[in-house]
Amino acid sequence: MAAKDYYKVLGVPKTASDKEIKSAYRRLARKHHPDVNPGNKSSEDQFKEIAEAYEVLSDSDMRKKYDQYGHLGDGWKNAAEAGYNFNPGGTGRTGGGQHRTSEGFNFNAGGFSDILSDLLGGGHAQSRRGPTKGDDSEYEISVSLHDAFHGAEHGITIQTQENCRMCGGTGYANNTACPACGGRGATITPKKLTVKIPKGIREGQKIRLQGQGSPGMMGGQPGDLYLIVKIHSDSHFELKDDDIYSDLNVSYLDAILGGEVTVHTIDGSVNMKIPAGTSSGAKLRIRGKGMPKKNSEENGDFYARVKITVPKTISEAEEALLVELQRLHKGK
């Protein structure tokens, strides 16, 4: 009997890793499973062959024996240990347990339960026959505090997966691994999207883009794309819960005598009175100029952290006045 090349069946090279073998099996099994192609004998036969190849290549001991004796056709199976459980392509319709096949090795009908359950969305007896929605995807998106406060539109580029055009998604062409996709059956393509950043969005919140996830099966709807928001640091403002903080430089004279200064908030400029005797480090609050609160029409507050500034140079007249002020202060 001619040797069967399990690597070609899965469309992977002989150096393929366990992860690559599993990925190839999942893709091909999803495509050829009998529940996805009811009544299609050709797909059912392909599925059995794919399952047989995966059962061998996914087990390190069986794979070693196959690599050593595979040139003997089915005779390589004699090298397997007695009683080894082997599943030559069960469709997932049989129950648990084992039985002896004509080839003389054990058949384990439940060998693919976990993977097929993932592929078809449930146990074998409950596998879906109709359209199946694609998987959801997640990406991280970085936004400024200014855009998180006001809302904005962002242009982003994501990497999407599409069936390889050269091999039609099979992973191989002319009985060899497809050179265009490396046997994966899919290619990665960049896709540009415009994303609306909602006003008041917070760190860790998700923006849902309907239908921008993985493609569905049998005409099913594609999955959704979820963008996980990351707010990057700002050089002027700091966000704490619903409140926004910023440093405010105040002259030593305004700090002593009081005065009025212009405060630049994230929502525009505001005039603020500085109380006489304000110390460095004091926090002056402006109500309602913080971040929009979740599930509320209100905003948090804005806090100006006072930093008293002292001039490096002064005039002779200013110096004389300060010396007199110092004398008077010490004379108390």
C-alpha atoms as a PDB file:
ATOM      1  CA  MET A   1       0.000   0.000   0.000  1.00  0.00           C
ATOM      2  CA  ALA A   2       1.356   3.417  -0.919  1.00  0.00           C
ATOM      3  CA  ALA A   3       2.619   5.576   1.891  1.00  0.00           C
ATOM      4  CA  LYS A   4       0.180   8.266   3.056  1.00  0.00           C
ATOM      5  CA  ASP A   5       1.746  11.678   3.602  1.00  0.00           C
ATOM      6  CA  TYR A   6      -0.016  13.065   6.650  1.00  0.00           C
ATOM      7  CA  TYR A   7       1.944  16.294   6.412  1.00  0.00           C
ATOM      8  CA  LYS A   8       0.530  16.955   2.951  1.00  0.00           C
ATOM      9  CA  VAL A   9      -2.945  16.075   4.195  1.00  0.00           C
ATOM     10  CA  LEU A  10      -2.699  18.908   6.745  1.00  0.00           C
ATOM     11  CA  GLY A  11      -0.725  21.156   4.404  1.00  0.00           C
ATOM     12  CA  VAL A  12       2.209  21.615   6.769  1.00  0.00           C
ATOM     13  CA  PRO A  13       5.941  20.949   6.392  1.00  0.00           C
ATOM     14  CA  LYS A  14       7.614  18.074   8.249  1.00  0.00           C
ATOM     15  CA  THR A  15       9.249  20.639  10.528  1.00  0.00           C
ATOM     16  CA  ALA A  16       5.858  22.015  11.633  1.00  0.00           C
ATOM     17  CA  SER A  17       5.436  22.710  15.344  1.00  0.00           C
ATOM     18  CA  ASP A  18       2.622  21.228  17.427  1.00  0.00           C
ATOM     19  CA  LYS A  19       0.896  24.603  17.328  1.00  0.00           C
ATOM     20  CA  GLU A  20       1.069  24.762  13.524  1.00  0.00           C
ATOM     21  CA  ILE A  21      -0.275  21.211  13.212  1.00  0.00           C
ATOM     22  CA  LYS A  22      -3.176  21.967  15.530  1.00  0.00           C
ATOM     23  CA  SER A  23      -3.947  25.209  13.708  1.00  0.00           C
ATOM     24  CA  ALA A  24      -3.966  23.443  10.327  1.00  0.00           C
ATOM     25  CA  TYR A  25      -6.258  20.718  11.650  1.00  0.00           C
ATOM     26  CA  ARG A  26      -8.704  23.209  13.165  1.00  0.00           C
ATOM     27  CA  ARG A  27      -8.922  25.142   9.913  1.00  0.00           C
ATOM     28  CA  LEU A  28      -9.402  22.079   7.698  1.00  0.00           C
ATOM     29  CA  ALA A  29     -11.759  20.313  10.111  1.00  0.00           C
ATOM     30  CA  ARG A  30     -13.927  23.405  10.293  1.00  0.00           C
ATOM     31  CA  LYS A  31     -14.101  23.449   6.507  1.00  0.00           C
ATOM     32  CA  HIS A  32     -14.758  19.738   5.851  1.00  0.00           C
ATOM     33  CA  HIS A  33     -16.716  18.542   8.898  1.00  0.00           C
ATOM     34  CA  PRO A  34     -19.820  16.525   7.815  1.00  0.00           C
ATOM     35  CA  ASP A  35     -22.100  18.697   9.921  1.00  0.00           C
ATOM     36  CA  VAL A  36     -20.898  21.718   7.963  1.00  0.00           C
ATOM     37  CA  ASN A  37     -21.257  19.880   4.624  1.00  0.00           C
ATOM     38  CA  PRO A  38     -24.323  17.617   5.060  1.00  0.00           C
ATOM     39  CA  GLY A  39     -24.583  14.974   2.336  1.00  0.00           C
ATOM     40  CA  ASN A  40     -21.199  15.775   0.807  1.00  0.00           C
ATOM     41  CA  LYS A  41     -19.369  12.426   0.653  1.00  0.00           C
ATOM     42  CA  SER A  42     -16.177  14.008  -0.650  1.00  0.00           C
ATOM     43  CA  SER A  43     -15.942  16.409   2.312  1.00  0.00           C
ATOM     44  CA  GLU A  44     -16.678  13.574   4.726  1.00  0.00           C
ATOM     45  CA  ASP A  45     -13.855  11.465   3.253  1.00  0.00           C
ATOM     46  CA  GLN A  46     -11.493  14.450   3.441  1.00  0.00           C
ATOM     47  CA  PHE A  47     -12.491  15.065   7.032  1.00  0.00           C
ATOM     48  CA  LYS A  48     -11.702  11.460   7.969  1.00  0.00           C
ATOM     49  CA  GLU A  49      -8.280  11.739   6.345  1.00  0.00           C
ATOM     50  CA  ILE A  50      -7.599  15.065   8.062  1.00  0.00           C
ATOM     51  CA  ALA A  51      -8.630  13.642  11.435  1.00  0.00           C
ATOM     52  CA  GLU A  52      -6.412  10.586  10.936  1.00  0.00           C
ATOM     53  CA  ALA A  53      -3.435  12.760  10.057  1.00  0.00           C
ATOM     54  CA  TYR A  54      -3.963  14.962  13.089  1.00  0.00           C
ATOM     55  CA  GLU A  55      -4.337  12.018  15.479  1.00  0.00           C
ATOM     56  CA  VAL A  56      -0.942  10.735  14.413  1.00  0.00           C
ATOM     57  CA  LEU A  57       0.992  13.988  14.108  1.00  0.00           C
ATOM     58  CA  SER A  58      -0.401  15.519  17.314  1.00  0.00           C
ATOM     59  CA  ASP A  59       1.034  12.682  19.426  1.00  0.00           C
ATOM     60  CA  SER A  60       4.809  12.916  19.828  1.00  0.00           C
ATOM     61  CA  ASP A  61       5.366   9.136  20.087  1.00  0.00           C
ATOM     62  CA  MET A  62       3.143   8.297  17.117  1.00  0.00           C
ATOM     63  CA  ARG A  63       4.685  11.089  15.091  1.00  0.00           C
ATOM     64  CA  LYS A  64       8.204   9.735  15.723  1.00  0.00           C
ATOM     65  CA  LYS A  65       7.136   6.269  14.594  1.00  0.00           C
ATOM     66  CA  TYR A  66       5.388   7.694  11.551  1.00  0.00           C
ATOM     67  CA  ASP A  67       8.464   9.758  10.606  1.00  0.00           C
ATOM     68  CA  GLN A  68      10.607   6.624  10.907  1.00  0.00           C
ATOM     69  CA  TYR A  69       8.376   4.049   9.236  1.00  0.00           C
ATOM     70  CA  GLY A  70       5.929   6.096   7.162  1.00  0.00           C
ATOM     71  CA  HIS A  71       7.668   5.071   3.926  1.00  0.00           C
ATOM     72  CA  LEU A  72       6.263   1.553   4.488  1.00  0.00           C
ATOM     73  CA  GLY A  73       2.705   2.706   3.863  1.00  0.00           C
ATOM     74  CA  ASP A  74       0.267   1.492   6.507  1.00  0.00           C
ATOM     75  CA  GLY A  75       2.901  -0.980   7.689  1.00  0.00           C
ATOM     76  CA  TRP A  76       4.333   1.702   9.955  1.00  0.00           C
ATOM     77  CA  LYS A  77       1.437   1.098  12.354  1.00  0.00           C
ATOM     78  CA  ASN A  78       3.013  -2.213  13.390  1.00  0.00           C
ATOM     79  CA  ALA A  79       5.618  -0.119  15.162  1.00  0.00           C
ATOM     80  CA  ALA A  80       2.996   1.316  17.488  1.00  0.00           C
ATOM     81  CA  GLU A  81       2.795  -0.028  20.984  1.00  0.00           C
ATOM     82  CA  ALA A  82       0.172  -2.662  21.672  1.00  0.00           C
ATOM     83  CA  GLY A  83      -3.125  -1.231  22.793  1.00  0.00           C
ATOM     84  CA  TYR A  84      -2.404   2.294  21.562  1.00  0.00           C
ATOM     85  CA  ASN A  85      -5.640   4.212  21.051  1.00  0.00           C
ATOM     86  CA  PHE A  86      -5.883   5.515  17.520  1.00  0.00           C
ATOM     87  CA  ASN A  87      -8.712   7.378  15.813  1.00  0.00           C
ATOM     88  CA  PRO A  88      -8.555   7.143  12.008  1.00  0.00           C
ATOM     89  CA  GLY A  89     -10.917   9.981  11.259  1.00  0.00           C
ATOM     90  CA  GLY A  90     -14.044   9.611  13.393  1.00  0.00           C
ATOM     91  CA  THR A  91     -16.691  12.134  12.441  1.00  0.00           C
ATOM     92  CA  GLY A  92     -17.723  12.838  15.978  1.00  0.00           C
ATOM     93  CA  ARG A  93     -21.065  11.044  15.580  1.00  0.00           C
ATOM     94  CA  THR A  94     -20.158   7.852  17.445  1.00  0.00           C
ATOM     95  CA  GLY A  95     -20.316   7.524  21.215  1.00  0.00           C
ATOM     96  CA  GLY A  96     -17.439   7.015  23.620  1.00  0.00           C
ATOM     97  CA  GLY A  97     -15.496   3.777  24.053  1.00  0.00           C
ATOM     98  CA  GLN A  98     -13.180   1.788  21.807  1.00  0.00           C
ATOM     99  CA  HIS A  99     -13.465  -1.053  19.308  1.00  0.00           C
ATOM    100  CA  ARG A 100     -11.077  -3.118  17.206  1.00  0.00           C
ATOM    101  CA  THR A 101     -10.799  -2.192  13.531  1.00  0.00           C
ATOM    102  CA  SER A 102      -9.768  -4.394  10.636  1.00  0.00           C
ATOM    103  CA  GLU A 103      -6.280  -2.842  10.723  1.00  0.00           C
ATOM    104  CA  GLY A 104      -5.777  -4.312  14.174  1.00  0.00           C
ATOM    105  CA  PHE A 105      -5.385  -1.133  16.247  1.00  0.00           C
ATOM    106  CA  ASN A 106      -7.747   0.466  18.726  1.00  0.00           C
ATOM    107  CA  PHE A 107     -10.222   3.156  17.651  1.00  0.00           C
ATOM    108  CA  ASN A 108     -11.034   5.895  20.118  1.00  0.00           C
ATOM    109  CA  ALA A 109     -14.142   7.713  18.933  1.00  0.00           C
ATOM    110  CA  GLY A 110     -13.771  10.515  21.465  1.00  0.00           C
ATOM    111  CA  GLY A 111     -10.262  11.562  20.443  1.00  0.00           C
ATOM    112  CA  PHE A 112     -11.274  14.950  19.018  1.00  0.00           C
ATOM    113  CA  SER A 113     -14.077  15.960  21.385  1.00  0.00           C
ATOM    114  CA  ASP A 114     -12.399  19.038  22.778  1.00  0.00           C
ATOM    115  CA  ILE A 115     -11.249  20.474  19.451  1.00  0.00           C
ATOM    116  CA  LEU A 116     -14.463  19.667  17.569  1.00  0.00           C
ATOM    117  CA  SER A 117     -16.484  21.153  20.394  1.00  0.00           C
ATOM    118  CA  ASP A 118     -14.538  24.388  19.925  1.00  0.00           C
ATOM    119  CA  LEU A 119     -14.921  24.251  16.161  1.00  0.00           C
ATOM    120  CA  LEU A 120     -18.666  23.654  16.128  1.00  0.00           C
ATOM    121  CA  GLY A 121     -19.742  25.450  19.264  1.00  0.00           C
ATOM    122  CA  GLY A 122     -20.744  22.477  21.462  1.00  0.00           C
ATOM    123  CA  GLY A 123     -20.646  18.699  21.885  1.00  0.00           C
ATOM    124  CA  HIS A 124     -20.763  16.458  18.833  1.00  0.00           C
ATOM    125  CA  ALA A 125     -24.415  15.563  19.324  1.00  0.00           C
ATOM    126  CA  GLN A 126     -25.253  19.270  19.425  1.00  0.00           C
ATOM    127  CA  SER A 127     -23.010  20.444  16.572  1.00  0.00           C
ATOM    128  CA  ARG A 128     -24.483  23.158  14.397  1.00  0.00           C
ATOM    129  CA  ARG A 129     -25.697  22.643  10.882  1.00  0.00           C
ATOM    130  CA  GLY A 130     -26.676  26.202  10.041  1.00  0.00           C
ATOM    131  CA  PRO A 131     -24.717  29.449   9.695  1.00  0.00           C
ATOM    132  CA  THR A 132     -22.210  30.102  12.489  1.00  0.00           C
ATOM    133  CA  LYS A 133     -21.086  33.539  13.631  1.00  0.00           C
ATOM    134  CA  GLY A 134     -17.362  34.268  13.477  1.00  0.00           C
ATOM    135  CA  ASP A 135     -15.173  34.788  16.518  1.00  0.00           C
ATOM    136  CA  ASP A 136     -14.800  38.168  18.212  1.00  0.00           C
ATOM    137  CA  SER A 137     -11.414  39.910  18.193  1.00  0.00           C
ATOM    138  CA  GLU A 138      -9.727  42.373  20.529  1.00  0.00           C
ATOM    139  CA  TYR A 139      -7.188  45.150  19.922  1.00  0.00           C
ATOM    140  CA  GLU A 140      -5.763  47.829  22.193  1.00  0.00           C
ATOM    141  CA  ILE A 141      -6.210  51.457  21.165  1.00  0.00           C
ATOM    142  CA  SER A 142      -4.284  54.339  22.735  1.00  0.00           C
ATOM    143  CA  VAL A 143      -6.055  57.707  23.081  1.00  0.00           C
ATOM    144  CA  SER A 144      -5.086  61.021  24.642  1.00  0.00           C
ATOM    145  CA  LEU A 145      -6.794  62.351  27.764  1.00  0.00           C
ATOM    146  CA  HIS A 146      -7.998  65.280  25.672  1.00  0.00           C
ATOM    147  CA  ASP A 147      -9.756  62.930  23.197  1.00  0.00           C
ATOM    148  CA  ALA A 148     -11.138  60.808  26.027  1.00  0.00           C
ATOM    149  CA  PHE A 149     -12.635  63.958  27.572  1.00  0.00           C
ATOM    150  CA  HIS A 150     -14.039  65.571  24.439  1.00  0.00           C
ATOM    151  CA  GLY A 151     -14.581  62.534  22.201  1.00  0.00           C
ATOM    152  CA  ALA A 152     -12.925  62.229  18.798  1.00  0.00           C
ATOM    153  CA  GLU A 153     -12.512  60.132  15.663  1.00  0.00           C
ATOM    154  CA  HIS A 154      -9.417  57.975  15.199  1.00  0.00           C
ATOM    155  CA  GLY A 155      -8.101  56.275  12.105  1.00  0.00           C
ATOM    156  CA  ILE A 156      -6.595  52.881  12.917  1.00  0.00           C
ATOM    157  CA  THR A 157      -5.117  50.004  10.933  1.00  0.00           C
ATOM    158  CA  ILE A 158      -5.827  46.444  12.073  1.00  0.00           C
ATOM    159  CA  GLN A 159      -4.521  43.127  10.786  1.00  0.00           C
ATOM    160  CA  THR A 160      -7.309  40.926   9.407  1.00  0.00           C
ATOM    161  CA  GLN A 161      -7.193  37.293   8.297  1.00  0.00           C
ATOM    162  CA  GLU A 162      -8.501  36.297   4.864  1.00  0.00           C
ATOM    163  CA  ASN A 163      -8.552  33.030   2.932  1.00  0.00           C
ATOM    164  CA  CYS A 164      -5.431  32.677   0.800  1.00  0.00           C
ATOM    165  CA  ARG A 165      -6.274  33.442  -2.835  1.00  0.00           C
ATOM    166  CA  MET A 166      -3.655  31.089  -4.247  1.00  0.00           C
ATOM    167  CA  CYS A 167      -4.778  27.916  -2.438  1.00  0.00           C
ATOM    168  CA  GLY A 168      -8.377  28.895  -1.731  1.00  0.00           C
ATOM    169  CA  GLY A 169      -7.873  28.387   1.992  1.00  0.00           C
ATOM    170  CA  THR A 170      -6.745  24.744   1.747  1.00  0.00           C
ATOM    171  CA  GLY A 171      -3.152  25.455   2.765  1.00  0.00           C
ATOM    172  CA  TYR A 172      -1.564  23.525  -0.093  1.00  0.00           C
ATOM    173  CA  ALA A 173      -1.185  23.751  -3.850  1.00  0.00           C
ATOM    174  CA  ASN A 174       0.097  21.060  -6.221  1.00  0.00           C
ATOM    175  CA  ASN A 175       0.382  18.649  -3.278  1.00  0.00           C
ATOM    176  CA  THR A 176       2.810  20.927  -1.448  1.00  0.00           C
ATOM    177  CA  ALA A 177       2.445  23.614   1.184  1.00  0.00           C
ATOM    178  CA  CYS A 178       1.105  26.764  -0.432  1.00  0.00           C
ATOM    179  CA  PRO A 179       4.010  29.192  -1.029  1.00  0.00           C
ATOM    180  CA  ALA A 180       1.750  32.227  -0.627  1.00  0.00           C
ATOM    181  CA  CYS A 181       0.518  31.441   2.881  1.00  0.00           C
ATOM    182  CA  GLY A 182       3.098  28.892   4.052  1.00  0.00           C
ATOM    183  CA  GLY A 183       0.450  26.206   4.427  1.00  0.00           C
ATOM    184  CA  ARG A 184      -1.721  28.202   6.818  1.00  0.00           C
ATOM    185  CA  GLY A 185      -4.547  28.654   4.324  1.00  0.00           C
ATOM    186  CA  ALA A 186      -4.920  32.307   5.260  1.00  0.00           C
ATOM    187  CA  THR A 187      -3.091  35.577   4.745  1.00  0.00           C
ATOM    188  CA  ILE A 188      -2.868  38.626   6.996  1.00  0.00           C
ATOM    189  CA  THR A 189      -4.122  41.818   5.381  1.00  0.00           C
ATOM    190  CA  PRO A 190      -4.058  45.360   6.844  1.00  0.00           C
ATOM    191  CA  LYS A 191      -7.422  47.101   7.059  1.00  0.00           C
ATOM    192  CA  LYS A 192      -8.066  50.790   7.788  1.00  0.00           C
ATOM    193  CA  LEU A 193     -10.984  51.777  10.023  1.00  0.00           C
ATOM    194  CA  THR A 194     -12.364  55.029  11.418  1.00  0.00           C
ATOM    195  CA  VAL A 195     -13.256  54.726  15.098  1.00  0.00           C
ATOM    196  CA  LYS A 196     -15.457  57.109  17.070  1.00  0.00           C
ATOM    197  CA  ILE A 197     -14.104  57.693  20.585  1.00  0.00           C
ATOM    198  CA  PRO A 198     -17.092  58.405  22.882  1.00  0.00           C
ATOM    199  CA  LYS A 199     -16.903  61.458  25.134  1.00  0.00           C
ATOM    200  CA  GLY A 200     -15.845  60.543  28.663  1.00  0.00           C
ATOM    201  CA  ILE A 201     -14.502  57.072  27.876  1.00  0.00           C
ATOM    202  CA  ARG A 202     -12.269  55.523  30.527  1.00  0.00           C
ATOM    203  CA  GLU A 203      -9.197  53.325  30.732  1.00  0.00           C
ATOM    204  CA  GLY A 204     -10.051  49.671  30.102  1.00  0.00           C
ATOM    205  CA  GLN A 205     -13.458  50.310  28.538  1.00  0.00           C
ATOM    206  CA  LYS A 206     -14.193  48.622  25.213  1.00  0.00           C
ATOM    207  CA  ILE A 207     -15.439  50.089  21.957  1.00  0.00           C
ATOM    208  CA  ARG A 208     -17.434  47.561  19.918  1.00  0.00           C
ATOM    209  CA  LEU A 209     -17.169  47.549  16.128  1.00  0.00           C
ATOM    210  CA  GLN A 210     -19.926  45.282  14.906  1.00  0.00           C
ATOM    211  CA  GLY A 211     -19.007  42.854  12.127  1.00  0.00           C
ATOM    212  CA  GLN A 212     -15.283  43.660  12.110  1.00  0.00           C
ATOM    213  CA  GLY A 213     -14.155  40.409  13.773  1.00  0.00           C
ATOM    214  CA  SER A 214     -13.376  37.002  12.250  1.00  0.00           C
ATOM    215  CA  PRO A 215     -15.503  35.806   9.291  1.00  0.00           C
ATOM    216  CA  GLY A 216     -18.425  33.449   9.959  1.00  0.00           C
ATOM    217  CA  MET A 217     -19.058  29.922   8.634  1.00  0.00           C
ATOM    218  CA  MET A 218     -21.649  28.790   6.097  1.00  0.00           C
ATOM    219  CA  GLY A 219     -22.814  32.348   5.465  1.00  0.00           C
ATOM    220  CA  GLY A 220     -22.833  33.240   9.150  1.00  0.00           C
ATOM    221  CA  GLN A 221     -22.275  36.802  10.320  1.00  0.00           C
ATOM    222  CA  PRO A 222     -18.705  37.883  11.119  1.00  0.00           C
ATOM    223  CA  GLY A 223     -17.734  38.386  14.736  1.00  0.00           C
ATOM    224  CA  ASP A 224     -17.226  41.768  16.372  1.00  0.00           C
ATOM    225  CA  LEU A 225     -14.075  43.735  17.054  1.00  0.00           C
ATOM    226  CA  TYR A 226     -13.559  45.128  20.556  1.00  0.00           C
ATOM    227  CA  LEU A 227     -11.088  47.974  21.024  1.00  0.00           C
ATOM    228  CA  ILE A 228      -9.701  48.116  24.570  1.00  0.00           C
ATOM    229  CA  VAL A 229      -9.026  51.746  25.499  1.00  0.00           C
ATOM    230  CA  LYS A 230      -5.642  52.767  26.867  1.00  0.00           C
ATOM    231  CA  ILE A 231      -5.377  56.453  27.905  1.00  0.00           C
ATOM    232  CA  HIS A 232      -1.776  57.590  27.593  1.00  0.00           C
ATOM    233  CA  SER A 233      -0.232  60.042  30.014  1.00  0.00           C
ATOM    234  CA  ASP A 234      -0.602  63.795  29.510  1.00  0.00           C
ATOM    235  CA  SER A 235       2.144  66.350  30.154  1.00  0.00           C
ATOM    236  CA  HIS A 236      -0.280  68.900  31.673  1.00  0.00           C
ATOM    237  CA  PHE A 237      -3.197  66.997  33.180  1.00  0.00           C
ATOM    238  CA  GLU A 238      -3.607  63.982  35.460  1.00  0.00           C
ATOM    239  CA  LEU A 239      -6.797  61.929  35.753  1.00  0.00           C
ATOM    240  CA  LYS A 240      -7.842  60.485  39.141  1.00  0.00           C
ATOM    241  CA  ASP A 241     -11.239  58.809  39.115  1.00  0.00           C
ATOM    242  CA  ASP A 242     -13.623  61.567  37.921  1.00  0.00           C
ATOM    243  CA  ASP A 243     -11.297  64.468  38.770  1.00  0.00           C
ATOM    244  CA  ILE A 244      -8.537  66.117  36.755  1.00  0.00           C
ATOM    245  CA  TYR A 245      -5.441  67.692  38.315  1.00  0.00           C
ATOM    246  CA  SER A 246      -2.960  70.230  36.968  1.00  0.00           C
ATOM    247  CA  ASP A 247      -0.120  72.327  38.402  1.00  0.00           C
ATOM    248  CA  LEU A 248      -0.680  76.079  38.718  1.00  0.00           C
ATOM    249  CA  ASN A 249       2.187  78.552  39.042  1.00  0.00           C
ATOM    250  CA  VAL A 250       1.324  81.402  41.453  1.00  0.00           C
ATOM    251  CA  SER A 251       3.614  84.353  42.183  1.00  0.00           C
ATOM    252  CA  TYR A 252       4.790  84.800  45.762  1.00  0.00           C
ATOM    253  CA  LEU A 253       3.001  88.173  45.953  1.00  0.00           C
ATOM    254  CA  ASP A 254      -0.360  86.698  44.864  1.00  0.00           C
ATOM    255  CA  ALA A 255       0.148  83.874  47.310  1.00  0.00           C
ATOM    256  CA  ILE A 256       0.730  86.374  50.138  1.00  0.00           C
ATOM    257  CA  LEU A 257      -1.737  89.102  49.246  1.00  0.00           C
ATOM    258  CA  GLY A 258      -4.259  87.167  47.165  1.00  0.00           C
ATOM    259  CA  GLY A 259      -5.120  87.831  43.541  1.00  0.00           C
ATOM    260  CA  GLU A 260      -6.686  86.446  40.398  1.00  0.00           C
ATOM    261  CA  VAL A 261      -5.035  84.138  37.842  1.00  0.00           C
ATOM    262  CA  THR A 262      -6.017  82.353  34.641  1.00  0.00           C
ATOM    263  CA  VAL A 263      -6.263  78.576  34.967  1.00  0.00           C
ATOM    264  CA  HIS A 264      -6.052  76.424  31.835  1.00  0.00           C
ATOM    265  CA  THR A 265      -8.337  73.433  32.276  1.00  0.00           C
ATOM    266  CA  ILE A 266      -8.886  70.589  29.806  1.00  0.00           C
ATOM    267  CA  ASP A 267     -12.219  72.272  29.017  1.00  0.00           C
ATOM    268  CA  GLY A 268     -10.928  75.775  28.418  1.00  0.00           C
ATOM    269  CA  SER A 269      -9.532  78.682  30.466  1.00  0.00           C
ATOM    270  CA  VAL A 270     -11.112  79.900  33.714  1.00  0.00           C
ATOM    271  CA  ASN A 271     -10.301  82.901  35.960  1.00  0.00           C
ATOM    272  CA  MET A 272      -9.662  81.845  39.568  1.00  0.00           C
ATOM    273  CA  LYS A 273      -9.236  83.857  42.751  1.00  0.00           C
ATOM    274  CA  ILE A 274      -6.194  83.043  44.849  1.00  0.00           C
ATOM    275  CA  PRO A 275      -6.931  83.490  48.568  1.00  0.00           C
ATOM    276  CA  ALA A 276      -4.427  85.572  50.547  1.00  0.00           C
ATOM    277  CA  GLY A 277      -1.938  83.410  52.408  1.00  0.00           C
ATOM    278  CA  THR A 278      -2.125  80.461  49.983  1.00  0.00           C
ATOM    279  CA  SER A 279       0.637  77.932  50.585  1.00  0.00           C
ATOM    280  CA  SER A 280       2.561  75.981  47.985  1.00  0.00           C
ATOM    281  CA  GLY A 281       0.902  72.594  47.452  1.00  0.00           C
ATOM    282  CA  ALA A 282      -2.609  73.854  48.153  1.00  0.00           C
ATOM    283  CA  LYS A 283      -5.343  72.406  45.915  1.00  0.00           C
ATOM    284  CA  LEU A 284      -7.867  74.888  44.546  1.00  0.00           C
ATOM    285  CA  ARG A 285     -11.054  73.326  43.178  1.00  0.00           C
ATOM    286  CA  ILE A 286     -13.148  74.297  40.171  1.00  0.00           C
ATOM    287  CA  ARG A 287     -16.419  72.379  40.257  1.00  0.00           C
ATOM    288  CA  GLY A 288     -17.684  70.559  37.186  1.00  0.00           C
ATOM    289  CA  LYS A 289     -14.501  70.862  35.111  1.00  0.00           C
ATOM    290  CA  GLY A 290     -13.398  67.255  35.553  1.00  0.00           C
ATOM    291  CA  MET A 291     -14.165  64.093  33.571  1.00  0.00           C
ATOM    292  CA  PRO A 292     -17.775  63.271  32.612  1.00  0.00           C
ATOM    293  CA  LYS A 293     -19.088  60.811  35.202  1.00  0.00           C
ATOM    294  CA  LYS A 294     -20.259  57.354  34.141  1.00  0.00           C
ATOM    295  CA  ASN A 295     -24.023  57.076  33.705  1.00  0.00           C
ATOM    296  CA  SER A 296     -24.496  60.688  34.777  1.00  0.00           C
ATOM    297  CA  GLU A 297     -25.016  64.138  33.313  1.00  0.00           C
ATOM    298  CA  GLU A 298     -22.479  65.568  35.766  1.00  0.00           C
ATOM    299  CA  ASN A 299     -18.713  66.006  35.586  1.00  0.00           C
ATOM    300  CA  GLY A 300     -16.053  65.548  38.194  1.00  0.00           C
ATOM    301  CA  ASP A 301     -14.004  68.497  39.452  1.00  0.00           C
ATOM    302  CA  PHE A 302     -10.782  70.187  38.378  1.00  0.00           C
ATOM    303  CA  TYR A 303      -8.022  70.755  40.931  1.00  0.00           C
ATOM    304  CA  ALA A 304      -5.238  73.307  40.506  1.00  0.00           C
ATOM    305  CA  ARG A 305      -2.167  72.354  42.577  1.00  0.00           C
ATOM    306  CA  VAL A 306      -0.442  75.584  43.655  1.00  0.00           C
ATOM    307  CA  LYS A 307       3.268  76.010  42.993  1.00  0.00           C
ATOM    308  CA  ILE A 308       4.569  79.341  44.324  1.00  0.00           C
ATOM    309  CA  THR A 309       7.112  80.971  42.029  1.00  0.00           C
ATOM    310  CA  VAL A 310       9.876  83.329  43.134  1.00  0.00           C
ATOM    311  CA  PRO A 311      11.627  85.637  40.624  1.00  0.00           C
ATOM    312  CA  LYS A 312      15.334  85.090  40.091  1.00  0.00           C
ATOM    313  CA  THR A 313      16.025  88.817  39.672  1.00  0.00           C
ATOM    314  CA  ILE A 314      14.283  91.907  41.138  1.00  0.00           C
ATOM    315  CA  SER A 315      14.793  95.675  40.838  1.00  0.00           C
ATOM    316  CA  GLU A 316      16.529  97.777  43.492  1.00  0.00           C
ATOM    317  CA  ALA A 317      13.184  99.309  44.494  1.00  0.00           C
ATOM    318  CA  GLU A 318      11.613  95.881  44.929  1.00  0.00           C
ATOM    319  CA  GLU A 319      14.574  94.702  46.956  1.00  0.00           C
ATOM    320  CA  ALA A 320      14.349  97.723  49.265  1.00  0.00           C
ATOM    321  CA  LEU A 321      10.664  97.092  49.880  1.00  0.00           C
ATOM    322  CA  LEU A 322      11.279  93.420  50.595  1.00  0.00           C
ATOM    323  CA  VAL A 323      14.087  94.237  53.019  1.00  0.00           C
ATOM    324  CA  GLU A 324      11.747  96.613  54.862  1.00  0.00           C
ATOM    325  CA  LEU A 325       9.027  93.937  54.836  1.00  0.00           C
ATOM    326  CA  GLN A 326      11.499  91.428  56.258  1.00  0.00           C
ATOM    327  CA  ARG A 327      12.477  93.891  59.015  1.00  0.00           C
ATOM    328  CA  LEU A 328       8.866  94.513  59.921  1.00  0.00           C
ATOM    329  CA  HIS A 329       8.108  90.761  59.929  1.00  0.00           C
ATOM    330  CA  LYS A 330      11.003  90.029  62.304  1.00  0.00           C
ATOM    331  CA  GLY A 331       9.927  92.903  64.577  1.00  0.00           C
ATOM    332  CA  LYS A 332       6.580  91.319  65.368  1.00  0.00           C
END
